[in-house]
C-alpha atoms as a PDB file:
ATOM      1  CA  MET A   1     -11.384  -4.656  46.433  1.00  0.00           C
ATOM      2  CA  ALA A   2     -14.070  -2.031  47.010  1.00  0.00           C
ATOM      3  CA  ASP A   3     -15.963  -0.515  44.089  1.00  0.00           C
ATOM      4  CA  SER A   4     -14.587   2.908  45.002  1.00  0.00           C
ATOM      5  CA  ASP A   5     -11.033   1.584  44.699  1.00  0.00           C
ATOM      6  CA  LEU A   6     -11.760   0.134  41.268  1.00  0.00           C
ATOM      7  CA  ALA A   7     -13.328   3.406  40.177  1.00  0.00           C
ATOM      8  CA  SER A   8     -10.265   5.328  41.351  1.00  0.00           C
ATOM      9  CA  ILE A   9      -7.938   3.014  39.437  1.00  0.00           C
ATOM     10  CA  TRP A  10     -10.047   3.387  36.274  1.00  0.00           C
ATOM     11  CA  VAL A  11     -10.079   7.200  36.555  1.00  0.00           C
ATOM     12  CA  TYR A  12      -6.297   7.211  36.893  1.00  0.00           C
ATOM     13  CA  LEU A  13      -5.623   4.786  34.050  1.00  0.00           C
ATOM     14  CA  SER A  14      -8.136   6.358  31.655  1.00  0.00           C
ATOM     15  CA  THR A  15      -6.194   9.631  31.723  1.00  0.00           C
ATOM     16  CA  SER A  16      -2.748   8.027  31.611  1.00  0.00           C
ATOM     17  CA  PRO A  17      -0.669   6.431  28.843  1.00  0.00           C
ATOM     18  CA  LEU A  18      -0.472   3.419  31.167  1.00  0.00           C
ATOM     19  CA  LEU A  19      -3.973   2.464  30.007  1.00  0.00           C
ATOM     20  CA  GLY A  20      -2.800   0.994  26.724  1.00  0.00           C
ATOM     21  CA  LEU A  21       0.085  -0.876  28.317  1.00  0.00           C
ATOM     22  CA  THR A  22      -2.046  -2.225  31.153  1.00  0.00           C
ATOM     23  CA  ILE A  23      -4.936  -3.520  29.054  1.00  0.00           C
ATOM     24  CA  THR A  24      -2.535  -5.021  26.482  1.00  0.00           C
ATOM     25  CA  LEU A  25      -0.738  -7.034  29.174  1.00  0.00           C
ATOM     26  CA  MET A  26      -4.017  -8.026  30.809  1.00  0.00           C
ATOM     27  CA  ALA A  27      -5.584  -9.072  27.491  1.00  0.00           C
ATOM     28  CA  TYR A  28      -2.612 -11.225  26.535  1.00  0.00           C
ATOM     29  CA  SER A  29      -2.429 -12.752  30.032  1.00  0.00           C
ATOM     30  CA  ILE A  30      -6.102 -13.766  29.864  1.00  0.00           C
ATOM     31  CA  ALA A  31      -5.705 -15.009  26.279  1.00  0.00           C
ATOM     32  CA  TYR A  32      -2.661 -17.101  27.160  1.00  0.00           C
ATOM     33  CA  ARG A  33      -4.429 -18.680  30.128  1.00  0.00           C
ATOM     34  CA  LEU A  34      -7.355 -19.626  27.882  1.00  0.00           C
ATOM     35  CA  TYR A  35      -4.907 -21.058  25.346  1.00  0.00           C
ATOM     36  CA  ILE A  36      -3.230 -23.258  27.968  1.00  0.00           C
ATOM     37  CA  TYR A  37      -6.583 -24.273  29.447  1.00  0.00           C
ATOM     38  CA  ALA A  38      -7.702 -25.407  25.971  1.00  0.00           C
ATOM     39  CA  ASN A  39      -4.591 -27.607  25.600  1.00  0.00           C
ATOM     40  CA  ALA A  40      -2.942 -25.199  23.145  1.00  0.00           C
ATOM     41  CA  ASN A  41      -5.811 -25.312  20.671  1.00  0.00           C
ATOM     42  CA  PRO A  42      -4.643 -23.204  17.688  1.00  0.00           C
ATOM     43  CA  LEU A  43      -8.151 -21.732  17.326  1.00  0.00           C
ATOM     44  CA  LEU A  44      -7.538 -20.007  20.662  1.00  0.00           C
ATOM     45  CA  HIS A  45      -4.135 -18.638  19.730  1.00  0.00           C
ATOM     46  CA  PRO A  46      -3.264 -15.909  22.280  1.00  0.00           C
ATOM     47  CA  VAL A  47      -2.764 -13.252  19.617  1.00  0.00           C
ATOM     48  CA  VAL A  48      -6.245 -13.841  18.158  1.00  0.00           C
ATOM     49  CA  THR A  49      -7.952 -13.839  21.537  1.00  0.00           C
ATOM     50  CA  ALA A  50      -5.992 -10.849  22.838  1.00  0.00           C
ATOM     51  CA  VAL A  51      -6.858  -8.784  19.746  1.00  0.00           C
ATOM     52  CA  ALA A  52     -10.536  -9.659  20.157  1.00  0.00           C
ATOM     53  CA  LEU A  53     -10.440  -8.670  23.841  1.00  0.00           C
ATOM     54  CA  LEU A  54      -8.711  -5.370  23.066  1.00  0.00           C
ATOM     55  CA  ILE A  55     -11.168  -4.467  20.309  1.00  0.00           C
ATOM     56  CA  THR A  56     -14.079  -5.268  22.624  1.00  0.00           C
ATOM     57  CA  PHE A  57     -12.581  -3.146  25.406  1.00  0.00           C
ATOM     58  CA  LEU A  58     -11.973  -0.149  23.144  1.00  0.00           C
ATOM     59  CA  LEU A  59     -15.522  -0.319  21.765  1.00  0.00           C
ATOM     60  CA  LEU A  60     -17.196  -0.711  25.162  1.00  0.00           C
ATOM     61  CA  THR A  61     -15.218   2.113  26.776  1.00  0.00           C
ATOM     62  CA  ASP A  62     -15.305   4.351  23.690  1.00  0.00           C
ATOM     63  CA  THR A  63     -11.515   4.664  23.859  1.00  0.00           C
ATOM     64  CA  SER A  64      -9.834   5.917  20.699  1.00  0.00           C
ATOM     65  CA  TYR A  65      -7.012   3.936  19.137  1.00  0.00           C
ATOM     66  CA  SER A  66      -4.658   6.909  19.441  1.00  0.00           C
ATOM     67  CA  ALA A  67      -5.301   7.105  23.193  1.00  0.00           C
ATOM     68  CA  TYR A  68      -4.743   3.365  23.508  1.00  0.00           C
ATOM     69  CA  PHE A  69      -1.515   3.436  21.500  1.00  0.00           C
ATOM     70  CA  GLU A  70       0.033   6.091  23.754  1.00  0.00           C
ATOM     71  CA  GLY A  71       0.662   3.292  26.216  1.00  0.00           C
ATOM     72  CA  ALA A  72       0.769   0.318  23.848  1.00  0.00           C
ATOM     73  CA  GLN A  73       3.709   1.877  22.005  1.00  0.00           C
ATOM     74  CA  PHE A  74       5.967   0.638  24.802  1.00  0.00           C
ATOM     75  CA  VAL A  75       5.141  -2.929  23.793  1.00  0.00           C
ATOM     76  CA  HIS A  76       5.495  -1.960  20.126  1.00  0.00           C
ATOM     77  CA  PHE A  77       9.001  -0.637  20.827  1.00  0.00           C
ATOM     78  CA  LEU A  78      10.065  -4.036  22.167  1.00  0.00           C
ATOM     79  CA  LEU A  79       9.375  -5.658  18.784  1.00  0.00           C
ATOM     80  CA  GLY A  80      12.777  -4.453  17.579  1.00  0.00           C
ATOM     81  CA  PRO A  81      14.862  -5.963  20.411  1.00  0.00           C
ATOM     82  CA  ALA A  82      12.735  -9.123  20.321  1.00  0.00           C
ATOM     83  CA  THR A  83      13.413  -9.557  16.599  1.00  0.00           C
ATOM     84  CA  VAL A  84      17.166  -9.081  17.086  1.00  0.00           C
ATOM     85  CA  ALA A  85      17.082 -11.624  19.927  1.00  0.00           C
ATOM     86  CA  LEU A  86      15.935 -14.268  17.435  1.00  0.00           C
ATOM     87  CA  ALA A  87      19.580 -14.481  16.357  1.00  0.00           C
ATOM     88  CA  ILE A  88      20.465 -16.315  19.586  1.00  0.00           C
ATOM     89  CA  PRO A  89      18.494 -19.545  18.993  1.00  0.00           C
ATOM     90  CA  LEU A  90      19.423 -19.345  15.307  1.00  0.00           C
ATOM     91  CA  TYR A  91      23.138 -19.306  16.213  1.00  0.00           C
ATOM     92  CA  GLN A  92      22.577 -22.434  18.286  1.00  0.00           C
ATOM     93  CA  GLN A  93      21.338 -24.123  15.096  1.00  0.00           C
ATOM     94  CA  SER A  94      24.293 -22.919  12.985  1.00  0.00           C
ATOM     95  CA  ALA A  95      25.670 -26.428  12.383  1.00  0.00           C
ATOM     96  CA  LYS A  96      22.400 -27.631  10.873  1.00  0.00           C
ATOM     97  CA  LEU A  97      21.995 -24.362   8.998  1.00  0.00           C
ATOM     98  CA  LYS A  98      25.319 -24.884   7.188  1.00  0.00           C
ATOM     99  CA  LYS A  99      24.141 -28.261   5.934  1.00  0.00           C
ATOM    100  CA  LEU A 100      20.785 -26.977   4.736  1.00  0.00           C
ATOM    101  CA  TRP A 101      21.752 -23.684   3.090  1.00  0.00           C
ATOM    102  CA  LEU A 102      21.000 -24.835  -0.479  1.00  0.00           C
ATOM    103  CA  PRO A 103      17.545 -26.362   0.232  1.00  0.00           C
ATOM    104  CA  LEU A 104      16.691 -23.277   2.299  1.00  0.00           C
ATOM    105  CA  LEU A 105      17.746 -20.952  -0.522  1.00  0.00           C
ATOM    106  CA  ILE A 106      15.608 -22.855  -3.039  1.00  0.00           C
ATOM    107  CA  SER A 107      12.696 -22.856  -0.581  1.00  0.00           C
ATOM    108  CA  LEU A 108      13.096 -19.122  -0.033  1.00  0.00           C
ATOM    109  CA  ILE A 109      12.918 -18.259  -3.725  1.00  0.00           C
ATOM    110  CA  SER A 110      10.067 -20.701  -4.355  1.00  0.00           C
ATOM    111  CA  GLY A 111       8.128 -19.527  -1.302  1.00  0.00           C
ATOM    112  CA  VAL A 112       8.367 -15.825  -2.106  1.00  0.00           C
ATOM    113  CA  THR A 113       7.434 -16.434  -5.743  1.00  0.00           C
ATOM    114  CA  THR A 114       4.454 -18.638  -4.861  1.00  0.00           C
ATOM    115  CA  GLY A 115       3.238 -16.313  -2.101  1.00  0.00           C
ATOM    116  CA  VAL A 116       3.253 -13.209  -4.280  1.00  0.00           C
ATOM    117  CA  LEU A 117       1.894 -14.729  -7.485  1.00  0.00           C
ATOM    118  CA  SER A 118      -0.866 -16.700  -5.772  1.00  0.00           C
ATOM    119  CA  ALA A 119      -2.129 -13.699  -3.779  1.00  0.00           C
ATOM    120  CA  VAL A 120      -2.034 -11.241  -6.660  1.00  0.00           C
ATOM    121  CA  GLY A 121      -3.290 -13.804  -9.167  1.00  0.00           C
ATOM    122  CA  LEU A 122      -6.336 -14.665  -7.063  1.00  0.00           C
ATOM    123  CA  ALA A 123      -7.036 -10.961  -6.538  1.00  0.00           C
ATOM    124  CA  GLN A 124      -6.949 -10.427 -10.312  1.00  0.00           C
ATOM    125  CA  LEU A 125      -9.331 -13.344 -10.922  1.00  0.00           C
ATOM    126  CA  MET A 126     -11.767 -11.901  -8.363  1.00  0.00           C
ATOM    127  CA  GLY A 127     -11.698  -8.457  -9.977  1.00  0.00           C
ATOM    128  CA  ALA A 128      -9.808  -6.592  -7.244  1.00  0.00           C
ATOM    129  CA  SER A 129      -8.513  -3.124  -8.055  1.00  0.00           C
ATOM    130  CA  LEU A 130      -4.879  -2.580  -8.962  1.00  0.00           C
ATOM    131  CA  GLN A 131      -4.232  -0.839  -5.647  1.00  0.00           C
ATOM    132  CA  THR A 132      -5.685  -3.792  -3.737  1.00  0.00           C
ATOM    133  CA  GLN A 133      -3.518  -6.200  -5.715  1.00  0.00           C
ATOM    134  CA  LEU A 134      -0.423  -4.173  -4.889  1.00  0.00           C
ATOM    135  CA  SER A 135      -1.438  -4.057  -1.225  1.00  0.00           C
ATOM    136  CA  LEU A 136      -1.790  -7.857  -1.201  1.00  0.00           C
ATOM    137  CA  ALA A 137       1.591  -8.558  -2.769  1.00  0.00           C
ATOM    138  CA  PRO A 138       3.762  -8.238   0.403  1.00  0.00           C
ATOM    139  CA  LYS A 139       1.196  -9.801   2.779  1.00  0.00           C
ATOM    140  CA  SER A 140       3.557 -12.550   3.984  1.00  0.00           C
ATOM    141  CA  VAL A 141       6.298 -10.138   5.081  1.00  0.00           C
ATOM    142  CA  THR A 142       6.623  -8.744   8.604  1.00  0.00           C
ATOM    143  CA  THR A 143       4.491  -5.614   9.068  1.00  0.00           C
ATOM    144  CA  PRO A 144       7.035  -2.732   9.011  1.00  0.00           C
ATOM    145  CA  VAL A 145       8.739  -4.076   5.879  1.00  0.00           C
ATOM    146  CA  ALA A 146       5.438  -4.942   4.192  1.00  0.00           C
ATOM    147  CA  MET A 147       4.062  -1.438   4.743  1.00  0.00           C
ATOM    148  CA  GLY A 148       7.227   0.113   3.329  1.00  0.00           C
ATOM    149  CA  ILE A 149       7.132  -2.109   0.250  1.00  0.00           C
ATOM    150  CA  SER A 150       3.418  -1.437  -0.258  1.00  0.00           C
ATOM    151  CA  GLU A 151       3.946   2.318  -0.171  1.00  0.00           C
ATOM    152  CA  GLN A 152       6.807   2.134  -2.671  1.00  0.00           C
ATOM    153  CA  ILE A 153       4.886   0.088  -5.261  1.00  0.00           C
ATOM    154  CA  GLY A 154       1.623   2.041  -4.995  1.00  0.00           C
ATOM    155  CA  GLY A 155      -0.399  -0.013  -2.531  1.00  0.00           C
ATOM    156  CA  LEU A 156      -2.195   1.095   0.633  1.00  0.00           C
ATOM    157  CA  PRO A 157       0.098   0.586   3.654  1.00  0.00           C
ATOM    158  CA  SER A 158      -2.843   0.545   6.072  1.00  0.00           C
ATOM    159  CA  LEU A 159      -4.584  -2.204   4.079  1.00  0.00           C
ATOM    160  CA  THR A 160      -1.323  -4.127   3.812  1.00  0.00           C
ATOM    161  CA  ALA A 161      -0.878  -3.982   7.595  1.00  0.00           C
ATOM    162  CA  ILE A 162      -4.307  -5.544   8.123  1.00  0.00           C
ATOM    163  CA  LEU A 163      -3.614  -8.246   5.543  1.00  0.00           C
ATOM    164  CA  VAL A 164      -0.263  -9.045   7.164  1.00  0.00           C
ATOM    165  CA  VAL A 165      -1.865  -9.509  10.583  1.00  0.00           C
ATOM    166  CA  VAL A 166      -4.658 -11.673   9.164  1.00  0.00           C
ATOM    167  CA  THR A 167      -2.125 -13.776   7.250  1.00  0.00           C
ATOM    168  CA  GLY A 168      -0.021 -14.275  10.366  1.00  0.00           C
ATOM    169  CA  ILE A 169      -3.000 -15.265  12.506  1.00  0.00           C
ATOM    170  CA  LEU A 170      -4.307 -17.744   9.919  1.00  0.00           C
ATOM    171  CA  GLY A 171      -0.842 -19.220   9.478  1.00  0.00           C
ATOM    172  CA  ALA A 172      -0.400 -19.654  13.222  1.00  0.00           C
ATOM    173  CA  ILE A 173      -3.824 -21.299  13.528  1.00  0.00           C
ATOM    174  CA  ILE A 174      -3.728 -23.751  10.625  1.00  0.00           C
ATOM    175  CA  GLY A 175       0.020 -24.176  10.052  1.00  0.00           C
ATOM    176  CA  THR A 176       0.530 -27.042  12.508  1.00  0.00           C
ATOM    177  CA  ARG A 177      -2.553 -28.824  11.158  1.00  0.00           C
ATOM    178  CA  VAL A 178      -1.196 -28.586   7.615  1.00  0.00           C
ATOM    179  CA  PHE A 179       2.157 -30.024   8.729  1.00  0.00           C
ATOM    180  CA  ALA A 180       0.345 -32.919  10.420  1.00  0.00           C
ATOM    181  CA  LEU A 181      -1.750 -33.626   7.317  1.00  0.00           C
ATOM    182  CA  MET A 182       1.381 -33.592   5.153  1.00  0.00           C
ATOM    183  CA  ARG A 183       3.250 -35.727   7.716  1.00  0.00           C
ATOM    184  CA  ILE A 184       6.092 -33.232   8.034  1.00  0.00           C
ATOM    185  CA  THR A 185       8.002 -33.893  11.255  1.00  0.00           C
ATOM    186  CA  ASP A 186      11.307 -32.035  10.831  1.00  0.00           C
ATOM    187  CA  ASP A 187      11.170 -28.894  13.004  1.00  0.00           C
ATOM    188  CA  SER A 188      13.606 -27.015  10.776  1.00  0.00           C
ATOM    189  CA  VAL A 189      11.369 -27.575   7.739  1.00  0.00           C
ATOM    190  CA  LYS A 190       8.206 -26.680   9.638  1.00  0.00           C
ATOM    191  CA  GLY A 191       9.827 -23.592  11.109  1.00  0.00           C
ATOM    192  CA  PHE A 192      11.119 -22.265   7.795  1.00  0.00           C
ATOM    193  CA  ALA A 193       7.722 -22.746   6.167  1.00  0.00           C
ATOM    194  CA  MET A 194       5.940 -21.087   9.091  1.00  0.00           C
ATOM    195  CA  GLY A 195       8.242 -18.069   9.066  1.00  0.00           C
ATOM    196  CA  MET A 196       7.834 -17.542   5.336  1.00  0.00           C
ATOM    197  CA  ALA A 197       4.056 -17.845   5.367  1.00  0.00           C
ATOM    198  CA  ALA A 198       3.145 -16.288   8.716  1.00  0.00           C
ATOM    199  CA  HIS A 199       6.114 -13.999   9.641  1.00  0.00           C
ATOM    200  CA  GLY A 200       6.250 -12.793  13.275  1.00  0.00           C
ATOM    201  CA  ILE A 201       2.990 -14.286  14.560  1.00  0.00           C
ATOM    202  CA  GLY A 202       3.889 -17.618  12.995  1.00  0.00           C
ATOM    203  CA  THR A 203       7.352 -17.406  14.546  1.00  0.00           C
ATOM    204  CA  ALA A 204       5.843 -16.860  17.989  1.00  0.00           C
ATOM    205  CA  ARG A 205       3.721 -19.978  17.436  1.00  0.00           C
ATOM    206  CA  ALA A 206       6.804 -21.898  16.249  1.00  0.00           C
ATOM    207  CA  PHE A 207       8.709 -21.094  19.440  1.00  0.00           C
ATOM    208  CA  GLN A 208       5.813 -22.541  21.446  1.00  0.00           C
ATOM    209  CA  ILE A 209       6.446 -25.870  19.702  1.00  0.00           C
ATOM    210  CA  SER A 210      10.246 -26.027  19.835  1.00  0.00           C
ATOM    211  CA  GLU A 211      13.297 -23.788  19.924  1.00  0.00           C
ATOM    212  CA  GLU A 212      14.590 -25.287  16.661  1.00  0.00           C
ATOM    213  CA  MET A 213      11.319 -24.589  14.869  1.00  0.00           C
ATOM    214  CA  GLY A 214      11.308 -21.033  16.217  1.00  0.00           C
ATOM    215  CA  ALA A 215      14.910 -20.424  15.158  1.00  0.00           C
ATOM    216  CA  PHE A 216      14.301 -21.470  11.556  1.00  0.00           C
ATOM    217  CA  SER A 217      11.032 -19.552  11.482  1.00  0.00           C
ATOM    218  CA  GLY A 218      12.850 -16.394  12.550  1.00  0.00           C
ATOM    219  CA  LEU A 219      15.439 -16.975   9.825  1.00  0.00           C
ATOM    220  CA  ALA A 220      12.732 -17.397   7.195  1.00  0.00           C
ATOM    221  CA  MET A 221      10.934 -14.272   8.391  1.00  0.00           C
ATOM    222  CA  ALA A 222      14.064 -12.152   7.970  1.00  0.00           C
ATOM    223  CA  LEU A 223      15.166 -13.658   4.656  1.00  0.00           C
ATOM    224  CA  SER A 224      11.698 -13.517   3.114  1.00  0.00           C
ATOM    225  CA  ALA A 225      11.465  -9.797   3.924  1.00  0.00           C
ATOM    226  CA  LEU A 226      14.744  -9.175   2.094  1.00  0.00           C
ATOM    227  CA  ALA A 227      13.905 -11.478  -0.813  1.00  0.00           C
ATOM    228  CA  THR A 228      10.434  -9.984  -1.251  1.00  0.00           C
ATOM    229  CA  ALA A 229      11.819  -6.443  -1.363  1.00  0.00           C
ATOM    230  CA  LEU A 230      14.282  -7.502  -4.081  1.00  0.00           C
ATOM    231  CA  MET A 231      12.055  -9.826  -6.113  1.00  0.00           C
ATOM    232  CA  LEU A 232       8.626  -8.207  -5.867  1.00  0.00           C
ATOM    233  CA  PRO A 233       8.945  -5.574  -8.642  1.00  0.00           C
ATOM    234  CA  TRP A 234      10.253  -8.229 -11.024  1.00  0.00           C
ATOM    235  CA  LEU A 235       7.483 -10.718 -10.127  1.00  0.00           C
ATOM    236  CA  LEU A 236       4.762  -8.097 -10.540  1.00  0.00           C
ATOM    237  CA  SER A 237       6.137  -7.044 -13.904  1.00  0.00           C
ATOM    238  CA  ILE A 238       5.964 -10.661 -15.097  1.00  0.00           C
ATOM    239  CA  ILE A 239       2.206 -10.837 -14.501  1.00  0.00           C
ATOM    240  CA  GLY A 240       1.631  -7.339 -15.838  1.00  0.00           C
ATOM    241  CA  VAL A 241       0.741  -5.617 -12.550  1.00  0.00           C
ATOM    242  CA  LEU A 242       3.701  -3.255 -12.761  1.00  0.00           C
ATOM    243  CA  SER A 243       5.064  -1.941 -16.038  1.00  0.00           C
END
């Protein structure tokens, strides 16, 4: 393709909402190819690489985030339907789910309690401000819910959003290694743990391993969001963060 053709395409895209959509799809496509080429190395998780590529592109082209999001919002909109679609593989695991409802319930309560108290407790020990502690509390919940919870309890929704993304990326990267070290082989157990600790990004990683792991991860992601919203004020009051 001639340089003039490339220049024409850039001029068109730079003034169109299609810019955000186009570079998002291109970044993820490149990131996924690198991930496959590296034999699915978790350090090259597509989400991590794609985010790095997008940040680099925006900085090099001096493109504002608002201009980028005009097109990227189309991908953002699909998060809702994609989340609802998680019910399909979960339904296919309904027989196993009926047998495991009690262990899953205990795991849910224990996981939410441990996740909140460990994050806030460590923040207290390190001298973080009250607002930072409150922003950390819902870090293991999917972004829209976490931001809503953070705003209600007095945290910073923008900070919470960043912490949620970082938590999800770290969970997706190291989660499988932790399971291997602990010799956990049951995909339903691994999936539920991944969904509770790393929400949507962890669930995407779980589906790359197996449909069963992805189904239970999606279940954990949804249930942990509900449980956190209900339990968080009570947990924070126990450790004196909320009166």
